[in-house]
Amino acid sequence: MSGMTAAAAPVIPPLTDPIPNLLDKYGGAAALKPVVIDFCTRLLTNPSTRRCYGDGGLPQAIEHSYALLAAALGKPAATYDFSMMRAAFEARQVTQHAYEEIVMIARQVLLDAGFSSRDACIAVNVLDIHSEVVFGIRLSRTVRSPYAGVDRRRIPRGPSLQDAAA
């Protein structure tokens, strides 16, 4: 794995299947702050994920995590450059297992913060879509849509056939 240069800074490409702005739906930047602090606290206390962030410490982890979660929630920061964090992940040879731990922590933090399961699933799918650009991790599965596995109907499901038969 080679280090990134400033000229080759990774850019998060727009999604072909755009998501609603979940960041604003849940209260914007002010509401994301405690979520990011919880996320970083969990990352830096978990042995599998702590090594990913190395000596950068909490301030660097908070900056990266805010940009990461904002992008996953549909409002990426136009000025944030993921190349430094990607280079740090590559230098530490972050494994797919560590990436999966990061994603599971993100999912749990979002659920604990009151995000719906549907919206947390969308955020996880967005992280998976951008895993190679942001983390340098190529997943064994392919996620093409943030809505993979998500019920997109606007009306609630009707009674099931088992309920109707009873």
C-alpha atoms as a PDB file:
ATOM      1  CA  MET A   1       0.000   0.000   0.000  1.00  0.00           C
ATOM      2  CA  SER A   2       1.424   3.335  -0.956  1.00  0.00           C
ATOM      3  CA  GLY A   3       0.977   6.670   0.822  1.00  0.00           C
ATOM      4  CA  MET A   4      -1.278   9.319  -0.633  1.00  0.00           C
ATOM      5  CA  THR A   5       0.147  12.535  -2.019  1.00  0.00           C
ATOM      6  CA  ALA A   6      -1.554  15.913  -1.857  1.00  0.00           C
ATOM      7  CA  ALA A   7      -2.229  15.769  -5.605  1.00  0.00           C
ATOM      8  CA  ALA A   8      -4.008  12.415  -5.233  1.00  0.00           C
ATOM      9  CA  ALA A   9      -6.254  13.402  -2.323  1.00  0.00           C
ATOM     10  CA  PRO A  10      -9.275  11.103  -2.256  1.00  0.00           C
ATOM     11  CA  VAL A  11     -12.566  12.748  -3.070  1.00  0.00           C
ATOM     12  CA  ILE A  12     -15.840  11.218  -1.987  1.00  0.00           C
ATOM     13  CA  PRO A  13     -17.765  10.794  -5.236  1.00  0.00           C
ATOM     14  CA  PRO A  14     -21.453  11.667  -5.271  1.00  0.00           C
ATOM     15  CA  LEU A  15     -23.763   8.720  -4.797  1.00  0.00           C
ATOM     16  CA  THR A  16     -25.673   7.500  -7.813  1.00  0.00           C
ATOM     17  CA  ASP A  17     -28.657   6.941  -5.522  1.00  0.00           C
ATOM     18  CA  PRO A  18     -28.557  10.072  -3.299  1.00  0.00           C
ATOM     19  CA  ILE A  19     -29.834   9.957   0.247  1.00  0.00           C
ATOM     20  CA  PRO A  20     -31.842  12.558   2.121  1.00  0.00           C
ATOM     21  CA  ASN A  21     -29.869  14.890   4.340  1.00  0.00           C
ATOM     22  CA  LEU A  22     -30.002  12.843   7.530  1.00  0.00           C
ATOM     23  CA  LEU A  23     -27.641  15.227   9.307  1.00  0.00           C
ATOM     24  CA  ASP A  24     -30.156  18.065   9.216  1.00  0.00           C
ATOM     25  CA  LYS A  25     -33.040  15.673   9.917  1.00  0.00           C
ATOM     26  CA  TYR A  26     -31.479  14.844  13.287  1.00  0.00           C
ATOM     27  CA  GLY A  27     -30.529  18.381  14.312  1.00  0.00           C
ATOM     28  CA  GLY A  28     -27.477  19.364  12.270  1.00  0.00           C
ATOM     29  CA  ALA A  29     -23.931  19.935  13.444  1.00  0.00           C
ATOM     30  CA  ALA A  30     -24.917  20.758  17.023  1.00  0.00           C
ATOM     31  CA  ALA A  31     -26.708  17.422  17.417  1.00  0.00           C
ATOM     32  CA  LEU A  32     -23.826  15.545  15.793  1.00  0.00           C
ATOM     33  CA  LYS A  33     -21.266  16.810  18.320  1.00  0.00           C
ATOM     34  CA  PRO A  34     -22.238  14.447  21.186  1.00  0.00           C
ATOM     35  CA  VAL A  35     -22.572  11.582  18.697  1.00  0.00           C
ATOM     36  CA  VAL A  36     -19.008  12.202  17.480  1.00  0.00           C
ATOM     37  CA  ILE A  37     -17.645  12.398  21.022  1.00  0.00           C
ATOM     38  CA  ASP A  38     -19.358   9.109  21.926  1.00  0.00           C
ATOM     39  CA  PHE A  39     -18.094   7.528  18.688  1.00  0.00           C
ATOM     40  CA  CYS A  40     -14.498   8.638  19.312  1.00  0.00           C
ATOM     41  CA  THR A  41     -14.586   7.540  22.944  1.00  0.00           C
ATOM     42  CA  ARG A  42     -15.695   4.065  21.869  1.00  0.00           C
ATOM     43  CA  LEU A  43     -13.119   3.949  19.038  1.00  0.00           C
ATOM     44  CA  LEU A  44     -10.240   4.880  21.298  1.00  0.00           C
ATOM     45  CA  THR A  45     -11.219   2.466  24.082  1.00  0.00           C
ATOM     46  CA  ASN A  46     -11.658  -0.552  21.791  1.00  0.00           C
ATOM     47  CA  PRO A  47      -8.285  -2.300  21.232  1.00  0.00           C
ATOM     48  CA  SER A  48      -9.261  -3.341  17.686  1.00  0.00           C
ATOM     49  CA  THR A  49      -9.928   0.240  16.597  1.00  0.00           C
ATOM     50  CA  ARG A  50      -7.603   2.264  18.835  1.00  0.00           C
ATOM     51  CA  ARG A  51      -4.527   1.204  16.849  1.00  0.00           C
ATOM     52  CA  CYS A  52      -6.120   2.581  13.667  1.00  0.00           C
ATOM     53  CA  TYR A  53      -5.816   6.109  14.972  1.00  0.00           C
ATOM     54  CA  GLY A  54      -2.298   5.736  16.362  1.00  0.00           C
ATOM     55  CA  ASP A  55      -0.685   8.696  18.057  1.00  0.00           C
ATOM     56  CA  GLY A  56      -3.045  11.300  16.595  1.00  0.00           C
ATOM     57  CA  GLY A  57      -5.143  11.236  19.724  1.00  0.00           C
ATOM     58  CA  LEU A  58      -8.603  12.518  20.386  1.00  0.00           C
ATOM     59  CA  PRO A  59      -8.525  15.851  18.468  1.00  0.00           C
ATOM     60  CA  GLN A  60      -7.537  14.184  15.193  1.00  0.00           C
ATOM     61  CA  ALA A  61     -10.030  11.350  15.743  1.00  0.00           C
ATOM     62  CA  ILE A  62     -12.809  13.877  16.423  1.00  0.00           C
ATOM     63  CA  GLU A  63     -12.032  15.872  13.283  1.00  0.00           C
ATOM     64  CA  HIS A  64     -11.949  12.738  11.109  1.00  0.00           C
ATOM     65  CA  SER A  65     -15.027  11.236  12.754  1.00  0.00           C
ATOM     66  CA  TYR A  66     -17.084  14.394  12.315  1.00  0.00           C
ATOM     67  CA  ALA A  67     -16.250  14.500   8.600  1.00  0.00           C
ATOM     68  CA  LEU A  68     -16.869  10.762   8.292  1.00  0.00           C
ATOM     69  CA  LEU A  69     -20.259  10.783  10.013  1.00  0.00           C
ATOM     70  CA  ALA A  70     -21.365  13.952   8.205  1.00  0.00           C
ATOM     71  CA  ALA A  71     -20.587  12.247   4.883  1.00  0.00           C
ATOM     72  CA  ALA A  72     -22.389   9.072   5.971  1.00  0.00           C
ATOM     73  CA  LEU A  73     -25.423  11.167   6.911  1.00  0.00           C
ATOM     74  CA  GLY A  74     -25.636  12.837   3.515  1.00  0.00           C
ATOM     75  CA  LYS A  75     -23.887  16.160   4.099  1.00  0.00           C
ATOM     76  CA  PRO A  76     -20.152  15.721   3.437  1.00  0.00           C
ATOM     77  CA  ALA A  77     -17.815  18.564   4.323  1.00  0.00           C
ATOM     78  CA  ALA A  78     -16.517  19.945   1.037  1.00  0.00           C
ATOM     79  CA  THR A  79     -13.231  21.064   2.591  1.00  0.00           C
ATOM     80  CA  TYR A  80     -12.241  17.935   4.523  1.00  0.00           C
ATOM     81  CA  ASP A  81      -9.373  15.933   3.028  1.00  0.00           C
ATOM     82  CA  PHE A  82      -9.525  12.241   3.954  1.00  0.00           C
ATOM     83  CA  SER A  83      -6.032  11.572   2.565  1.00  0.00           C
ATOM     84  CA  MET A  84      -4.219  12.042   5.891  1.00  0.00           C
ATOM     85  CA  MET A  85      -6.476   9.601   7.675  1.00  0.00           C
ATOM     86  CA  ARG A  86      -6.374   7.156   4.784  1.00  0.00           C
ATOM     87  CA  ALA A  87      -2.565   7.317   4.803  1.00  0.00           C
ATOM     88  CA  ALA A  88      -2.581   6.674   8.563  1.00  0.00           C
ATOM     89  CA  PHE A  89      -4.866   3.671   8.079  1.00  0.00           C
ATOM     90  CA  GLU A  90      -2.648   2.340   5.282  1.00  0.00           C
ATOM     91  CA  ALA A  91       0.525   2.842   7.343  1.00  0.00           C
ATOM     92  CA  ARG A  92      -1.007   0.868  10.213  1.00  0.00           C
ATOM     93  CA  GLN A  93      -2.241  -1.805   7.788  1.00  0.00           C
ATOM     94  CA  VAL A  94      -5.794  -1.547   9.031  1.00  0.00           C
ATOM     95  CA  THR A  95      -7.640  -4.772   8.328  1.00  0.00           C
ATOM     96  CA  GLN A  96     -11.167  -5.348   7.126  1.00  0.00           C
ATOM     97  CA  HIS A  97     -11.945  -6.641  10.631  1.00  0.00           C
ATOM     98  CA  ALA A  98     -10.951  -3.294  12.187  1.00  0.00           C
ATOM     99  CA  TYR A  99     -13.015  -1.472   9.557  1.00  0.00           C
ATOM    100  CA  GLU A 100     -16.031  -3.644  10.411  1.00  0.00           C
ATOM    101  CA  GLU A 101     -15.526  -2.805  14.101  1.00  0.00           C
ATOM    102  CA  ILE A 102     -15.514   0.916  13.248  1.00  0.00           C
ATOM    103  CA  VAL A 103     -18.738   0.521  11.264  1.00  0.00           C
ATOM    104  CA  MET A 104     -20.451  -1.458  14.024  1.00  0.00           C
ATOM    105  CA  ILE A 105     -19.469   1.180  16.581  1.00  0.00           C
ATOM    106  CA  ALA A 106     -20.840   3.893  14.282  1.00  0.00           C
ATOM    107  CA  ARG A 107     -24.109   1.996  13.900  1.00  0.00           C
ATOM    108  CA  GLN A 108     -24.502   1.494  17.647  1.00  0.00           C
ATOM    109  CA  VAL A 109     -23.667   5.127  18.415  1.00  0.00           C
ATOM    110  CA  LEU A 110     -26.270   6.314  15.897  1.00  0.00           C
ATOM    111  CA  LEU A 111     -28.904   4.000  17.363  1.00  0.00           C
ATOM    112  CA  ASP A 112     -28.038   5.101  20.910  1.00  0.00           C
ATOM    113  CA  ALA A 113     -28.405   8.739  19.788  1.00  0.00           C
ATOM    114  CA  GLY A 114     -31.973   8.086  18.661  1.00  0.00           C
ATOM    115  CA  PHE A 115     -31.472   7.550  14.936  1.00  0.00           C
ATOM    116  CA  SER A 116     -33.994   5.165  13.417  1.00  0.00           C
ATOM    117  CA  SER A 117     -32.726   1.742  12.436  1.00  0.00           C
ATOM    118  CA  ARG A 118     -33.495   2.597   8.798  1.00  0.00           C
ATOM    119  CA  ASP A 119     -31.370   5.754   8.887  1.00  0.00           C
ATOM    120  CA  ALA A 120     -28.501   4.009  10.709  1.00  0.00           C
ATOM    121  CA  CYS A 121     -28.589   1.300   8.009  1.00  0.00           C
ATOM    122  CA  ILE A 122     -28.394   3.957   5.291  1.00  0.00           C
ATOM    123  CA  ALA A 123     -25.383   5.564   7.019  1.00  0.00           C
ATOM    124  CA  VAL A 124     -23.612   2.188   7.299  1.00  0.00           C
ATOM    125  CA  ASN A 125     -24.239   1.490   3.621  1.00  0.00           C
ATOM    126  CA  VAL A 126     -22.773   4.891   2.702  1.00  0.00           C
ATOM    127  CA  LEU A 127     -19.664   4.063   4.767  1.00  0.00           C
ATOM    128  CA  ASP A 128     -19.381   0.745   2.926  1.00  0.00           C
ATOM    129  CA  ILE A 129     -19.742   2.453  -0.459  1.00  0.00           C
ATOM    130  CA  HIS A 130     -16.897   4.854   0.392  1.00  0.00           C
ATOM    131  CA  SER A 131     -14.707   2.385   2.324  1.00  0.00           C
ATOM    132  CA  GLU A 132     -12.013   2.216  -0.334  1.00  0.00           C
ATOM    133  CA  VAL A 133     -11.803   5.986  -0.874  1.00  0.00           C
ATOM    134  CA  VAL A 134     -11.870   6.931   2.811  1.00  0.00           C
ATOM    135  CA  PHE A 135     -10.147   3.987   4.509  1.00  0.00           C
ATOM    136  CA  GLY A 136      -8.330   2.181   1.711  1.00  0.00           C
ATOM    137  CA  ILE A 137     -10.318  -0.961   2.555  1.00  0.00           C
ATOM    138  CA  ARG A 138     -11.727  -3.032  -0.288  1.00  0.00           C
ATOM    139  CA  LEU A 139     -14.714  -4.957   0.993  1.00  0.00           C
ATOM    140  CA  SER A 140     -15.437  -8.545   0.074  1.00  0.00           C
ATOM    141  CA  ARG A 141     -19.078  -7.573  -0.555  1.00  0.00           C
ATOM    142  CA  THR A 142     -20.298  -4.916  -2.942  1.00  0.00           C
ATOM    143  CA  VAL A 143     -22.715  -2.253  -1.749  1.00  0.00           C
ATOM    144  CA  ARG A 144     -23.954  -0.101  -4.602  1.00  0.00           C
ATOM    145  CA  SER A 145     -26.920   1.641  -3.010  1.00  0.00           C
ATOM    146  CA  PRO A 146     -27.332   3.281   0.383  1.00  0.00           C
ATOM    147  CA  TYR A 147     -30.766   1.676   0.425  1.00  0.00           C
ATOM    148  CA  ALA A 148     -29.521  -1.920   0.149  1.00  0.00           C
ATOM    149  CA  GLY A 149     -31.701  -3.916   2.536  1.00  0.00           C
ATOM    150  CA  VAL A 150     -33.761  -0.860   3.509  1.00  0.00           C
ATOM    151  CA  ASP A 151     -37.523  -0.701   3.055  1.00  0.00           C
ATOM    152  CA  ARG A 152     -38.048   2.435   0.910  1.00  0.00           C
ATOM    153  CA  ARG A 153     -41.838   2.421   0.857  1.00  0.00           C
ATOM    154  CA  ARG A 154     -43.441   5.620   2.052  1.00  0.00           C
ATOM    155  CA  ILE A 155     -46.444   3.849   3.551  1.00  0.00           C
ATOM    156  CA  PRO A 156     -46.293   1.337   6.390  1.00  0.00           C
ATOM    157  CA  ARG A 157     -46.604  -2.322   5.621  1.00  0.00           C
ATOM    158  CA  GLY A 158     -50.090  -3.726   5.757  1.00  0.00           C
ATOM    159  CA  PRO A 159     -51.090  -6.600   8.019  1.00  0.00           C
ATOM    160  CA  SER A 160     -49.247  -9.789   7.235  1.00  0.00           C
ATOM    161  CA  LEU A 161     -50.979 -12.807   5.734  1.00  0.00           C
ATOM    162  CA  GLN A 162     -50.574 -14.671   9.044  1.00  0.00           C
ATOM    163  CA  ASP A 163     -52.409 -11.871  10.880  1.00  0.00           C
ATOM    164  CA  ALA A 164     -55.209 -11.950   8.304  1.00  0.00           C
ATOM    165  CA  ALA A 165     -55.573 -15.735   8.611  1.00  0.00           C
ATOM    166  CA  ALA A 166     -55.905 -15.580  12.418  1.00  0.00           C
END
